[in-house]
Amino acid sequence: MNIFAKIFNFKLSTLTSTIDKSENSRILNSFNSTEDRRVVYLDTTKKGRELFEAYDRELREIAAKLKGDMDGSTFQLFVESMDVFNKVTMD
Protein backbone atom coordinates (compact mmCIF):
# COMPACT_ATOMS: atom_id res chain seq x y z
CA MET A 1 0.00 0.00 0.00
CA ASN A 2 2.95 2.28 0.55
CA ILE A 3 3.72 2.41 -3.19
CA PHE A 4 0.07 3.15 -3.96
CA ALA A 5 0.06 5.92 -1.35
CA LYS A 6 3.15 7.50 -2.93
CA ILE A 7 1.82 7.29 -6.49
CA PHE A 8 -1.49 8.91 -5.60
CA ASN A 9 -0.03 11.24 -2.96
CA PHE A 10 -2.14 9.83 -0.09
CA LYS A 11 -1.10 9.43 3.50
CA LEU A 12 -0.87 5.73 4.32
CA SER A 13 -3.39 6.19 7.16
CA THR A 14 -5.89 7.74 4.70
CA LEU A 15 -5.43 4.88 2.28
CA THR A 16 -5.86 2.29 5.03
CA SER A 17 -9.02 4.01 6.25
CA THR A 18 -10.44 4.17 2.71
CA ILE A 19 -9.74 0.49 2.11
CA ASP A 20 -11.32 -0.43 5.46
CA LYS A 21 -14.45 1.56 4.60
CA SER A 22 -14.57 -0.05 1.14
CA GLU A 23 -14.32 -3.50 2.70
CA ASN A 24 -17.05 -2.66 5.23
CA SER A 25 -19.23 -1.50 2.33
CA ARG A 26 -18.46 -4.77 0.55
CA ILE A 27 -16.87 -2.98 -2.43
CA LEU A 28 -13.36 -4.39 -2.00
CA ASN A 29 -11.67 -7.41 -0.49
CA SER A 30 -8.08 -7.22 0.70
CA PHE A 31 -5.72 -10.05 1.49
CA ASN A 32 -2.06 -10.42 2.33
CA SER A 33 0.47 -12.12 0.09
CA THR A 34 1.46 -15.60 1.22
CA GLU A 35 5.11 -14.77 0.44
CA ASP A 36 5.29 -11.37 2.14
CA ARG A 37 2.65 -10.25 4.66
CA ARG A 38 3.60 -6.61 4.03
CA VAL A 39 2.14 -6.95 0.51
CA VAL A 40 -1.61 -6.40 0.39
CA TYR A 41 -3.71 -7.34 -2.63
CA LEU A 42 -7.05 -5.72 -3.41
CA ASP A 43 -9.87 -7.25 -5.39
CA THR A 44 -13.24 -5.78 -6.26
CA THR A 45 -16.40 -7.55 -5.21
CA LYS A 46 -19.41 -8.03 -7.46
CA LYS A 47 -20.94 -4.93 -5.83
CA GLY A 48 -17.72 -2.99 -6.47
CA ARG A 49 -17.67 -3.97 -10.15
CA GLU A 50 -21.34 -2.99 -10.52
CA LEU A 51 -20.65 0.42 -8.94
CA PHE A 52 -17.68 0.96 -11.24
CA GLU A 53 -19.73 0.01 -14.31
CA ALA A 54 -22.52 2.42 -13.28
CA TYR A 55 -19.97 5.20 -12.71
CA ASP A 56 -18.34 4.46 -16.08
CA ARG A 57 -21.72 4.66 -17.85
CA GLU A 58 -22.44 8.01 -16.19
CA LEU A 59 -19.06 9.43 -17.25
CA ARG A 60 -19.57 8.23 -20.83
CA GLU A 61 -23.01 9.86 -20.93
CA ILE A 62 -21.57 13.14 -19.63
CA ALA A 63 -18.74 13.00 -22.18
CA ALA A 64 -21.20 12.31 -25.01
CA LYS A 65 -23.34 15.25 -23.91
CA LEU A 66 -20.32 17.54 -23.75
CA LYS A 67 -19.15 16.36 -27.15
CA GLY A 68 -22.63 16.96 -28.57
CA ASP A 69 -22.74 20.48 -27.10
CA MET A 70 -19.29 21.50 -28.43
CA ASP A 71 -17.84 21.69 -31.89
CA GLY A 72 -14.99 19.27 -32.64
CA SER A 73 -12.10 21.65 -32.01
CA THR A 74 -13.61 22.94 -28.74
CA PHE A 75 -14.17 19.39 -27.50
CA GLN A 76 -10.58 18.45 -28.45
CA LEU A 77 -9.29 21.47 -26.52
CA PHE A 78 -11.43 20.45 -23.54
CA VAL A 79 -10.02 16.89 -23.60
CA GLU A 80 -6.44 18.17 -23.85
CA SER A 81 -7.06 20.62 -21.01
CA MET A 82 -8.42 17.85 -18.80
CA ASP A 83 -5.37 15.73 -19.61
CA VAL A 84 -3.06 18.56 -18.51
CA PHE A 85 -5.16 19.09 -15.38
CA ASN A 86 -4.87 15.40 -14.49
CA LYS A 87 -1.10 15.41 -14.97
CA VAL A 88 -0.66 18.54 -12.85
CA THR A 89 -2.84 17.27 -10.00
CA MET A 90 -1.08 13.87 -9.93
CA ASP A 91 2.37 15.41 -9.37
PDB file of N, CA and C in Angstrom:
ATOM      1  N   MET A   1       0.817  -1.190   0.000  1.00  0.00           N
ATOM      2  CA  MET A   1       0.000   0.000   0.000  1.00  0.00           C
ATOM      3  C   MET A   1       0.859   1.251   0.000  1.00  0.00           C
ATOM      4  N   ASN A   2       2.066   1.124   0.491  1.00  0.00           N
ATOM      5  CA  ASN A   2       2.947   2.280   0.554  1.00  0.00           C
ATOM      6  C   ASN A   2       3.237   2.834  -0.837  1.00  0.00           C
ATOM      7  N   ILE A   3       3.465   1.960  -1.817  1.00  0.00           N
ATOM      8  CA  ILE A   3       3.722   2.408  -3.193  1.00  0.00           C
ATOM      9  C   ILE A   3       2.489   3.124  -3.736  1.00  0.00           C
ATOM     10  N   PHE A   4       1.326   2.550  -3.510  1.00  0.00           N
ATOM     11  CA  PHE A   4       0.070   3.153  -3.960  1.00  0.00           C
ATOM     12  C   PHE A   4      -0.110   4.533  -3.331  1.00  0.00           C
ATOM     13  N   ALA A   5       0.176   4.643  -2.055  1.00  0.00           N
ATOM     14  CA  ALA A   5       0.058   5.924  -1.351  1.00  0.00           C
ATOM     15  C   ALA A   5       0.987   6.965  -1.957  1.00  0.00           C
ATOM     16  N   LYS A   6       2.201   6.560  -2.321  1.00  0.00           N
ATOM     17  CA  LYS A   6       3.148   7.495  -2.927  1.00  0.00           C
ATOM     18  C   LYS A   6       2.700   7.929  -4.318  1.00  0.00           C
ATOM     19  N   ILE A   7       2.241   6.972  -5.120  1.00  0.00           N
ATOM     20  CA  ILE A   7       1.824   7.286  -6.486  1.00  0.00           C
ATOM     21  C   ILE A   7       0.672   8.276  -6.491  1.00  0.00           C
ATOM     22  N   PHE A   8      -0.316   8.060  -5.605  1.00  0.00           N
ATOM     23  CA  PHE A   8      -1.494   8.911  -5.600  1.00  0.00           C
ATOM     24  C   PHE A   8      -1.429  10.017  -4.555  1.00  0.00           C
ATOM     25  N   ASN A   9      -0.268  10.163  -3.923  1.00  0.00           N
ATOM     26  CA  ASN A   9      -0.029  11.239  -2.961  1.00  0.00           C
ATOM     27  C   ASN A   9      -1.044  11.211  -1.807  1.00  0.00           C
ATOM     28  N   PHE A  10      -1.283  10.012  -1.262  1.00  0.00           N
ATOM     29  CA  PHE A  10      -2.140   9.829  -0.092  1.00  0.00           C
ATOM     30  C   PHE A  10      -1.265   9.529   1.106  1.00  0.00           C
ATOM     31  N   LYS A  11      -1.734   9.912   2.279  1.00  0.00           N
ATOM     32  CA  LYS A  11      -1.097   9.432   3.499  1.00  0.00           C
ATOM     33  C   LYS A  11      -1.493   7.970   3.641  1.00  0.00           C
ATOM     34  N   LEU A  12      -0.601   7.159   4.163  1.00  0.00           N
ATOM     35  CA  LEU A  12      -0.873   5.735   4.323  1.00  0.00           C
ATOM     36  C   LEU A  12      -2.089   5.506   5.219  1.00  0.00           C
ATOM     37  N   SER A  13      -2.237   6.335   6.251  1.00  0.00           N
ATOM     38  CA  SER A  13      -3.390   6.194   7.156  1.00  0.00           C
ATOM     39  C   SER A  13      -4.702   6.475   6.423  1.00  0.00           C
ATOM     40  N   THR A  14      -4.692   7.430   5.499  1.00  0.00           N
ATOM     41  CA  THR A  14      -5.888   7.740   4.704  1.00  0.00           C
ATOM     42  C   THR A  14      -6.232   6.581   3.791  1.00  0.00           C
ATOM     43  N   LEU A  15      -5.220   6.016   3.169  1.00  0.00           N
ATOM     44  CA  LEU A  15      -5.435   4.881   2.277  1.00  0.00           C
ATOM     45  C   LEU A  15      -5.978   3.685   3.053  1.00  0.00           C
ATOM     46  N   THR A  16      -5.396   3.410   4.198  1.00  0.00           N
ATOM     47  CA  THR A  16      -5.857   2.294   5.032  1.00  0.00           C
ATOM     48  C   THR A  16      -7.312   2.492   5.440  1.00  0.00           C
ATOM     49  N   SER A  17      -7.651   3.693   5.852  1.00  0.00           N
ATOM     50  CA  SER A  17      -9.022   4.008   6.246  1.00  0.00           C
ATOM     51  C   SER A  17      -9.995   3.831   5.076  1.00  0.00           C
ATOM     52  N   THR A  18      -9.590   4.297   3.903  1.00  0.00           N
ATOM     53  CA  THR A  18     -10.440   4.174   2.711  1.00  0.00           C
ATOM     54  C   THR A  18     -10.658   2.711   2.344  1.00  0.00           C
ATOM     55  N   ILE A  19      -9.610   1.920   2.419  1.00  0.00           N
ATOM     56  CA  ILE A  19      -9.738   0.491   2.113  1.00  0.00           C
ATOM     57  C   ILE A  19     -10.633  -0.188   3.142  1.00  0.00           C
ATOM     58  N   ASP A  20     -10.457   0.150   4.418  1.00  0.00           N
ATOM     59  CA  ASP A  20     -11.316  -0.428   5.461  1.00  0.00           C
ATOM     60  C   ASP A  20     -12.787  -0.098   5.213  1.00  0.00           C
ATOM     61  N   LYS A  21     -13.065   1.155   4.871  1.00  0.00           N
ATOM     62  CA  LYS A  21     -14.445   1.556   4.596  1.00  0.00           C
ATOM     63  C   LYS A  21     -14.987   0.835   3.368  1.00  0.00           C
ATOM     64  N   SER A  22     -14.143   0.662   2.356  1.00  0.00           N
ATOM     65  CA  SER A  22     -14.571  -0.045   1.140  1.00  0.00           C
ATOM     66  C   SER A  22     -14.853  -1.512   1.431  1.00  0.00           C
ATOM     67  N   GLU A  23     -14.059  -2.109   2.306  1.00  0.00           N
ATOM     68  CA  GLU A  23     -14.318  -3.500   2.705  1.00  0.00           C
ATOM     69  C   GLU A  23     -15.614  -3.599   3.512  1.00  0.00           C
ATOM     70  N   ASN A  24     -15.818  -2.659   4.429  1.00  0.00           N
ATOM     71  CA  ASN A  24     -17.052  -2.664   5.234  1.00  0.00           C
ATOM     72  C   ASN A  24     -18.290  -2.455   4.365  1.00  0.00           C
ATOM     73  N   SER A  25     -18.122  -1.724   3.264  1.00  0.00           N
ATOM     74  CA  SER A  25     -19.233  -1.499   2.327  1.00  0.00           C
ATOM     75  C   SER A  25     -19.352  -2.627   1.311  1.00  0.00           C
ATOM     76  N   ARG A  26     -18.479  -3.609   1.433  1.00  0.00           N
ATOM     77  CA  ARG A  26     -18.463  -4.774   0.545  1.00  0.00           C
ATOM     78  C   ARG A  26     -18.177  -4.404  -0.912  1.00  0.00           C
ATOM     79  N   ILE A  27     -17.289  -3.408  -1.094  1.00  0.00           N
ATOM     80  CA  ILE A  27     -16.870  -2.981  -2.434  1.00  0.00           C
ATOM     81  C   ILE A  27     -15.542  -3.628  -2.804  1.00  0.00           C
ATOM     82  N   LEU A  28     -14.680  -3.797  -1.807  1.00  0.00           N
ATOM     83  CA  LEU A  28     -13.356  -4.392  -2.001  1.00  0.00           C
ATOM     84  C   LEU A  28     -13.126  -5.525  -1.018  1.00  0.00           C
ATOM     85  N   ASN A  29     -12.239  -6.418  -1.404  1.00  0.00           N
ATOM     86  CA  ASN A  29     -11.672  -7.409  -0.492  1.00  0.00           C
ATOM     87  C   ASN A  29     -10.167  -7.193  -0.506  1.00  0.00           C
ATOM     88  N   SER A  30      -9.540  -7.294   0.648  1.00  0.00           N
ATOM     89  CA  SER A  30      -8.080  -7.217   0.703  1.00  0.00           C
ATOM     90  C   SER A  30      -7.549  -8.492   1.330  1.00  0.00           C
ATOM     91  N   PHE A  31      -6.361  -8.880   0.902  1.00  0.00           N
ATOM     92  CA  PHE A  31      -5.721 -10.051   1.487  1.00  0.00           C
ATOM     93  C   PHE A  31      -4.217  -9.913   1.350  1.00  0.00           C
ATOM     94  N   ASN A  32      -3.512 -10.504   2.310  1.00  0.00           N
ATOM     95  CA  ASN A  32      -2.056 -10.422   2.326  1.00  0.00           C
ATOM     96  C   ASN A  32      -1.452 -11.496   1.435  1.00  0.00           C
ATOM     97  N   SER A  33      -0.297 -11.168   0.884  1.00  0.00           N
ATOM     98  CA  SER A  33       0.469 -12.119   0.094  1.00  0.00           C
ATOM     99  C   SER A  33       0.919 -13.265   0.997  1.00  0.00           C
ATOM    100  N   THR A  34       0.963 -14.460   0.440  1.00  0.00           N
ATOM    101  CA  THR A  34       1.464 -15.603   1.216  1.00  0.00           C
ATOM    102  C   THR A  34       2.985 -15.556   1.338  1.00  0.00           C
ATOM    103  N   GLU A  35       3.651 -14.870   0.395  1.00  0.00           N
ATOM    104  CA  GLU A  35       5.112 -14.768   0.443  1.00  0.00           C
ATOM    105  C   GLU A  35       5.609 -13.631   1.342  1.00  0.00           C
ATOM    106  N   ASP A  36       4.851 -12.537   1.387  1.00  0.00           N
ATOM    107  CA  ASP A  36       5.292 -11.365   2.141  1.00  0.00           C
ATOM    108  C   ASP A  36       4.056 -10.684   2.717  1.00  0.00           C
ATOM    109  N   ARG A  37       3.869 -10.797   4.020  1.00  0.00           N
ATOM    110  CA  ARG A  37       2.653 -10.251   4.661  1.00  0.00           C
ATOM    111  C   ARG A  37       2.559  -8.726   4.553  1.00  0.00           C
ATOM    112  N   ARG A  38       3.652  -8.063   4.213  1.00  0.00           N
ATOM    113  CA  ARG A  38       3.601  -6.607   4.025  1.00  0.00           C
ATOM    114  C   ARG A  38       2.894  -6.238   2.727  1.00  0.00           C
ATOM    115  N   VAL A  39       2.792  -7.185   1.799  1.00  0.00           N
ATOM    116  CA  VAL A  39       2.142  -6.953   0.511  1.00  0.00           C
ATOM    117  C   VAL A  39       0.654  -7.244   0.659  1.00  0.00           C
ATOM    118  N   VAL A  40      -0.163  -6.264   0.289  1.00  0.00           N
ATOM    119  CA  VAL A  40      -1.610  -6.396   0.388  1.00  0.00           C
ATOM    120  C   VAL A  40      -2.194  -6.335  -1.016  1.00  0.00           C
ATOM    121  N   TYR A  41      -3.020  -7.309  -1.337  1.00  0.00           N
ATOM    122  CA  TYR A  41      -3.708  -7.336  -2.627  1.00  0.00           C
ATOM    123  C   TYR A  41      -5.145  -6.884  -2.434  1.00  0.00           C
ATOM    124  N   LEU A  42      -5.656  -6.180  -3.432  1.00  0.00           N
ATOM    125  CA  LEU A  42      -7.050  -5.724  -3.406  1.00  0.00           C
ATOM    126  C   LEU A  42      -7.791  -6.345  -4.575  1.00  0.00           C
ATOM    127  N   ASP A  43      -9.030  -6.696  -4.338  1.00  0.00           N
ATOM    128  CA  ASP A  43      -9.874  -7.250  -5.386  1.00  0.00           C
ATOM    129  C   ASP A  43     -11.261  -6.650  -5.226  1.00  0.00           C
ATOM    130  N   THR A  44     -11.889  -6.312  -6.338  1.00  0.00           N
ATOM    131  CA  THR A  44     -13.245  -5.778  -6.262  1.00  0.00           C
ATOM    132  C   THR A  44     -14.243  -6.914  -6.082  1.00  0.00           C
ATOM    133  N   THR A  45     -15.295  -6.609  -5.375  1.00  0.00           N
ATOM    134  CA  THR A  45     -16.396  -7.553  -5.215  1.00  0.00           C
ATOM    135  C   THR A  45     -17.367  -7.355  -6.377  1.00  0.00           C
ATOM    136  N   LYS A  46     -18.374  -8.190  -6.435  1.00  0.00           N
ATOM    137  CA  LYS A  46     -19.411  -8.026  -7.462  1.00  0.00           C
ATOM    138  C   LYS A  46     -20.053  -6.640  -7.318  1.00  0.00           C
ATOM    139  N   LYS A  47     -20.352  -6.252  -6.088  1.00  0.00           N
ATOM    140  CA  LYS A  47     -20.940  -4.931  -5.834  1.00  0.00           C
ATOM    141  C   LYS A  47     -20.001  -3.819  -6.307  1.00  0.00           C
ATOM    142  N   GLY A  48     -18.692  -3.981  -6.052  1.00  0.00           N
ATOM    143  CA  GLY A  48     -17.717  -2.986  -6.474  1.00  0.00           C
ATOM    144  C   GLY A  48     -17.658  -2.856  -7.984  1.00  0.00           C
ATOM    145  N   ARG A  49     -17.692  -3.995  -8.679  1.00  0.00           N
ATOM    146  CA  ARG A  49     -17.673  -3.965 -10.152  1.00  0.00           C
ATOM    147  C   ARG A  49     -18.944  -3.317 -10.690  1.00  0.00           C
ATOM    148  N   GLU A  50     -20.081  -3.605 -10.082  1.00  0.00           N
ATOM    149  CA  GLU A  50     -21.341  -2.988 -10.515  1.00  0.00           C
ATOM    150  C   GLU A  50     -21.310  -1.482 -10.318  1.00  0.00           C
ATOM    151  N   LEU A  51     -20.770  -1.031  -9.193  1.00  0.00           N
ATOM    152  CA  LEU A  51     -20.654   0.416  -8.941  1.00  0.00           C
ATOM    153  C   LEU A  51     -19.733   1.071  -9.960  1.00  0.00           C
ATOM    154  N   PHE A  52     -18.600   0.419 -10.248  1.00  0.00           N
ATOM    155  CA  PHE A  52     -17.676   0.958 -11.236  1.00  0.00           C
ATOM    156  C   PHE A  52     -18.340   1.055 -12.608  1.00  0.00           C
ATOM    157  N   GLU A  53     -19.063   0.004 -13.006  1.00  0.00           N
ATOM    158  CA  GLU A  53     -19.732   0.013 -14.311  1.00  0.00           C
ATOM    159  C   GLU A  53     -20.781   1.118 -14.394  1.00  0.00           C
ATOM    160  N   ALA A  54     -21.525   1.340 -13.311  1.00  0.00           N
ATOM    161  CA  ALA A  54     -22.524   2.418 -13.283  1.00  0.00           C
ATOM    162  C   ALA A  54     -21.833   3.782 -13.391  1.00  0.00           C
ATOM    163  N   TYR A  55     -20.736   3.953 -12.670  1.00  0.00           N
ATOM    164  CA  TYR A  55     -19.968   5.202 -12.712  1.00  0.00           C
ATOM    165  C   TYR A  55     -19.411   5.430 -14.115  1.00  0.00           C
ATOM    166  N   ASP A  56     -18.884   4.370 -14.725  1.00  0.00           N
ATOM    167  CA  ASP A  56     -18.335   4.456 -16.082  1.00  0.00           C
ATOM    168  C   ASP A  56     -19.416   4.866 -17.083  1.00  0.00           C
ATOM    169  N   ARG A  57     -20.598   4.282 -16.963  1.00  0.00           N
ATOM    170  CA  ARG A  57     -21.716   4.659 -17.854  1.00  0.00           C
ATOM    171  C   ARG A  57     -22.062   6.139 -17.703  1.00  0.00           C
ATOM    172  N   GLU A  58     -22.125   6.598 -16.447  1.00  0.00           N
ATOM    173  CA  GLU A  58     -22.437   8.012 -16.190  1.00  0.00           C
ATOM    174  C   GLU A  58     -21.396   8.929 -16.833  1.00  0.00           C
ATOM    175  N   LEU A  59     -20.117   8.599 -16.657  1.00  0.00           N
ATOM    176  CA  LEU A  59     -19.063   9.425 -17.250  1.00  0.00           C
ATOM    177  C   LEU A  59     -19.152   9.444 -18.768  1.00  0.00           C
ATOM    178  N   ARG A  60     -19.434   8.289 -19.369  1.00  0.00           N
ATOM    179  CA  ARG A  60     -19.567   8.230 -20.826  1.00  0.00           C
ATOM    180  C   ARG A  60     -20.752   9.067 -21.315  1.00  0.00           C
ATOM    181  N   GLU A  61     -21.856   9.039 -20.563  1.00  0.00           N
ATOM    182  CA  GLU A  61     -23.014   9.865 -20.929  1.00  0.00           C
ATOM    183  C   GLU A  61     -22.687  11.348 -20.835  1.00  0.00           C
ATOM    184  N   ILE A  62     -21.969  11.736 -19.792  1.00  0.00           N
ATOM    185  CA  ILE A  62     -21.572  13.138 -19.632  1.00  0.00           C
ATOM    186  C   ILE A  62     -20.645  13.552 -20.771  1.00  0.00           C
ATOM    187  N   ALA A  63     -19.670  12.689 -21.091  1.00  0.00           N
ATOM    188  CA  ALA A  63     -18.736  12.999 -22.180  1.00  0.00           C
ATOM    189  C   ALA A  63     -19.468  13.123 -23.506  1.00  0.00           C
ATOM    190  N   ALA A  64     -20.430  12.241 -23.761  1.00  0.00           N
ATOM    191  CA  ALA A  64     -21.201  12.307 -25.010  1.00  0.00           C
ATOM    192  C   ALA A  64     -22.006  13.603 -25.072  1.00  0.00           C
ATOM    193  N   LYS A  65     -22.582  14.006 -23.941  1.00  0.00           N
ATOM    194  CA  LYS A  65     -23.345  15.252 -23.914  1.00  0.00           C
ATOM    195  C   LYS A  65     -22.422  16.445 -24.171  1.00  0.00           C
ATOM    196  N   LEU A  66     -21.271  16.456 -23.513  1.00  0.00           N
ATOM    197  CA  LEU A  66     -20.319  17.544 -23.745  1.00  0.00           C
ATOM    198  C   LEU A  66     -19.886  17.588 -25.206  1.00  0.00           C
ATOM    199  N   LYS A  67     -19.598  16.427 -25.753  1.00  0.00           N
ATOM    200  CA  LYS A  67     -19.155  16.360 -27.148  1.00  0.00           C
ATOM    201  C   LYS A  67     -20.254  16.850 -28.084  1.00  0.00           C
ATOM    202  N   GLY A  68     -21.503  16.519 -27.748  1.00  0.00           N
ATOM    203  CA  GLY A  68     -22.627  16.961 -28.567  1.00  0.00           C
ATOM    204  C   GLY A  68     -22.875  18.459 -28.472  1.00  0.00           C
ATOM    205  N   ASP A  69     -22.518  19.047 -27.322  1.00  0.00           N
ATOM    206  CA  ASP A  69     -22.745  20.478 -27.098  1.00  0.00           C
ATOM    207  C   ASP A  69     -21.603  21.349 -27.620  1.00  0.00           C
ATOM    208  N   MET A  70     -20.458  20.741 -27.980  1.00  0.00           N
ATOM    209  CA  MET A  70     -19.293  21.504 -28.428  1.00  0.00           C
ATOM    210  C   MET A  70     -18.927  21.111 -29.852  1.00  0.00           C
ATOM    211  N   ASP A  71     -18.352  22.064 -30.568  1.00  0.00           N
ATOM    212  CA  ASP A  71     -17.840  21.688 -31.889  1.00  0.00           C
ATOM    213  C   ASP A  71     -16.566  20.864 -31.687  1.00  0.00           C
ATOM    214  N   GLY A  72     -16.114  20.197 -32.730  1.00  0.00           N
ATOM    215  CA  GLY A  72     -14.991  19.265 -32.637  1.00  0.00           C
ATOM    216  C   GLY A  72     -13.732  19.858 -32.051  1.00  0.00           C
ATOM    217  N   SER A  73     -13.354  21.056 -32.495  1.00  0.00           N
ATOM    218  CA  SER A  73     -12.100  21.646 -32.006  1.00  0.00           C
ATOM    219  C   SER A  73     -12.232  22.069 -30.542  1.00  0.00           C
ATOM    220  N   THR A  74     -13.402  22.545 -30.139  1.00  0.00           N
ATOM    221  CA  THR A  74     -13.609  22.935 -28.744  1.00  0.00           C
ATOM    222  C   THR A  74     -13.557  21.712 -27.843  1.00  0.00           C
ATOM    223  N   PHE A  75     -14.187  20.615 -28.295  1.00  0.00           N
ATOM    224  CA  PHE A  75     -14.165  19.385 -27.504  1.00  0.00           C
ATOM    225  C   PHE A  75     -12.733  18.865 -27.381  1.00  0.00           C
ATOM    226  N   GLN A  76     -11.977  18.907 -28.485  1.00  0.00           N
ATOM    227  CA  GLN A  76     -10.582  18.446 -28.449  1.00  0.00           C
ATOM    228  C   GLN A  76      -9.768  19.285 -27.469  1.00  0.00           C
ATOM    229  N   LEU A  77      -9.977  20.589 -27.462  1.00  0.00           N
ATOM    230  CA  LEU A  77      -9.288  21.472 -26.524  1.00  0.00           C
ATOM    231  C   LEU A  77      -9.678  21.129 -25.087  1.00  0.00           C
ATOM    232  N   PHE A  78     -10.951  20.841 -24.866  1.00  0.00           N
ATOM    233  CA  PHE A  78     -11.430  20.449 -23.538  1.00  0.00           C
ATOM    234  C   PHE A  78     -10.725  19.169 -23.073  1.00  0.00           C
ATOM    235  N   VAL A  79     -10.665  18.156 -23.947  1.00  0.00           N
ATOM    236  CA  VAL A  79     -10.021  16.889 -23.603  1.00  0.00           C
ATOM    237  C   VAL A  79      -8.547  17.110 -23.280  1.00  0.00           C
ATOM    238  N   GLU A  80      -7.855  17.888 -24.103  1.00  0.00           N
ATOM    239  CA  GLU A  80      -6.440  18.171 -23.854  1.00  0.00           C
ATOM    240  C   GLU A  80      -6.243  18.930 -22.546  1.00  0.00           C
ATOM    241  N   SER A  81      -7.139  19.861 -22.256  1.00  0.00           N
ATOM    242  CA  SER A  81      -7.058  20.624 -21.008  1.00  0.00           C
ATOM    243  C   SER A  81      -7.248  19.710 -19.796  1.00  0.00           C
ATOM    244  N   MET A  82      -8.186  18.789 -19.888  1.00  0.00           N
ATOM    245  CA  MET A  82      -8.422  17.850 -18.797  1.00  0.00           C
ATOM    246  C   MET A  82      -7.213  16.934 -18.605  1.00  0.00           C
ATOM    247  N   ASP A  83      -6.567  16.563 -19.694  1.00  0.00           N
ATOM    248  CA  ASP A  83      -5.368  15.726 -19.612  1.00  0.00           C
ATOM    249  C   ASP A  83      -4.263  16.476 -18.869  1.00  0.00           C
ATOM    250  N   VAL A  84      -4.062  17.739 -19.203  1.00  0.00           N
ATOM    251  CA  VAL A  84      -3.065  18.563 -18.510  1.00  0.00           C
ATOM    252  C   VAL A  84      -3.434  18.696 -17.037  1.00  0.00           C
ATOM    253  N   PHE A  85      -4.692  18.956 -16.759  1.00  0.00           N
ATOM    254  CA  PHE A  85      -5.160  19.089 -15.382  1.00  0.00           C
ATOM    255  C   PHE A  85      -4.858  17.817 -14.582  1.00  0.00           C
ATOM    256  N   ASN A  86      -5.147  16.654 -15.170  1.00  0.00           N
ATOM    257  CA  ASN A  86      -4.874  15.395 -14.487  1.00  0.00           C
ATOM    258  C   ASN A  86      -3.391  15.205 -14.212  1.00  0.00           C
ATOM    259  N   LYS A  87      -2.548  15.553 -15.165  1.00  0.00           N
ATOM    260  CA  LYS A  87      -1.102  15.411 -14.974  1.00  0.00           C
ATOM    261  C   LYS A  87      -0.596  16.339 -13.885  1.00  0.00           C
ATOM    262  N   VAL A  88      -1.105  17.560 -13.853  1.00  0.00           N
ATOM    263  CA  VAL A  88      -0.660  18.537 -12.848  1.00  0.00           C
ATOM    264  C   VAL A  88      -1.111  18.114 -11.453  1.00  0.00           C
ATOM    265  N   THR A  89      -2.328  17.623 -11.323  1.00  0.00           N
ATOM    266  CA  THR A  89      -2.836  17.272  -9.998  1.00  0.00           C
ATOM    267  C   THR A  89      -2.262  15.950  -9.494  1.00  0.00           C
ATOM    268  N   MET A  90      -1.675  15.147 -10.360  1.00  0.00           N
ATOM    269  CA  MET A  90      -1.081  13.874  -9.932  1.00  0.00           C
ATOM    270  C   MET A  90       0.374  14.037  -9.510  1.00  0.00           C
ATOM    271  N   ASP A  91       0.973  15.183  -9.772  1.00  0.00           N
ATOM    272  CA  ASP A  91       2.374  15.415  -9.367  1.00  0.00           C
ATOM    273  C   ASP A  91       2.472  15.827  -7.933  1.00  0.00           C
TER     274      ASP A  91
END
